[in-house]
Amino acid sequence: MEAWELVAAAGAVAAAAAGVGFAISRRGRGGAAAPEVRPKIEAEARPGDRMWRGLAATRQRLAAQIDAVLGRGPRPLDVVLGELDEALVGADVGVRTSAALLQALRDRLPRDAPPEAVRNALESALGDMLAAPPAPAPSTRPWVILVTGVNGVGKTTTIGKLAAMHAAAGRRVLLVAADTFRAAAIDQLGVWADRTGADLVRHDQGADPSAVVFDGLKAAVARRADIVLVDTAGRLHTRSNLMEELGKVGRVIGREIPGAPHETFLVVDATTGQNAVNQARTFGGAVPLTGVILTKLDGTARGGVLVAIRHELGLPIRYVGVGESVEDLRPFEAKAFVSGLFRPSDGSSERS
């Protein structure tokens, strides 16, 4: 990280600690002053509160079922775990992942474990399963991030929010509008470019996505962009020809920028439940995925699917969307997620 990036990051951290916004202005396209990007930080919000609120539906379903199971008093562990299995599968944790969690409980608990010990062990096992190495920090210029996913998952909006995050950290961002099938997607990315002060490379609707990516990377090198965010067309994971096209985009990126893409994110809609696991598996066959972004977590009781994605595919969850605004795209923290499922927003136990 360069010196100016360290200063920017330090300023952002200090501003966040003070409960105020932080922005770095720079010259935008055409030499005009770029609009400031100020991710709002609510002074009254404690860390994890947004995650806690976003998990309301999942928590209500899962916590209610867990409370029902454990509220029946001490019983043999196998009986309790059998009922917990139904609760976990019902929250879209998935059959395989639920079985692995329950096996972890069997390994940790005696056969006569009291209900609170079962609850604590389940919370701990979930945290262990979701834990992942930290996301890599941008360490070369340009740092290329390829973003893909099926139609309607909020991919382009997510890219705009990522652009806002990087711009607020003082990085020069370039957006590549490689979703050439929808004119609306190109225009939408243009709005985000204006809003965040990012550069934008676009072609006309119907252009070859790989050609747009090629031009975008050339521009990124020439303009000394720090971050390149590549939007791609939404595609059904069952369409092999479209998946092959995505693979071609990935190869073009690797040819033009050795070692790139440095991150490849799959955006999935939490409301699709277990189908998100199938999407991740298929997309991972077309391009090597480095992480998943789960959107619309605030609108579903099926948030347990991210546990299945992490366990079954080994993919880290990098961000979760818990609302519409820029600050509602949150870097995923396993501890905050598990705490959001089991505890109130102040971190104290609901059962104390």
Foldseek 3Di string as FASTA:
>chain_A
DDPVLVVLVVQCVVCLVVQAWFWDWDQFPPRHIAATQTDHGHSVADPLNLLLLLLVLQLVQLVVQLCVLQVVWWDFLVVSLVSNLVSLVVLLLDNVLSVVLSVQLVVVDDRRDHSVVSVVSSLVSLLVLQDDDDDDDQDDAAAEEEEAEAPPLCGLVVLLLVLSVCNSSVFAEEEQELAQQDPVSLVSNVVSCRNSSHHYQYDHRPDQSLVSLLVRLVVRVVVRGHYYYYYYHHDDLVDVVVLLSVLVSQVSQCVSDPPPNVAYEYEDEQAVRQVVLVRVVSSCVSPPHQAYEYEPSSPDSNNSSQSNNCNVVVHHHQWYASDDDSPRTGGDDSSSNSLSSQDDSVSDGPVD
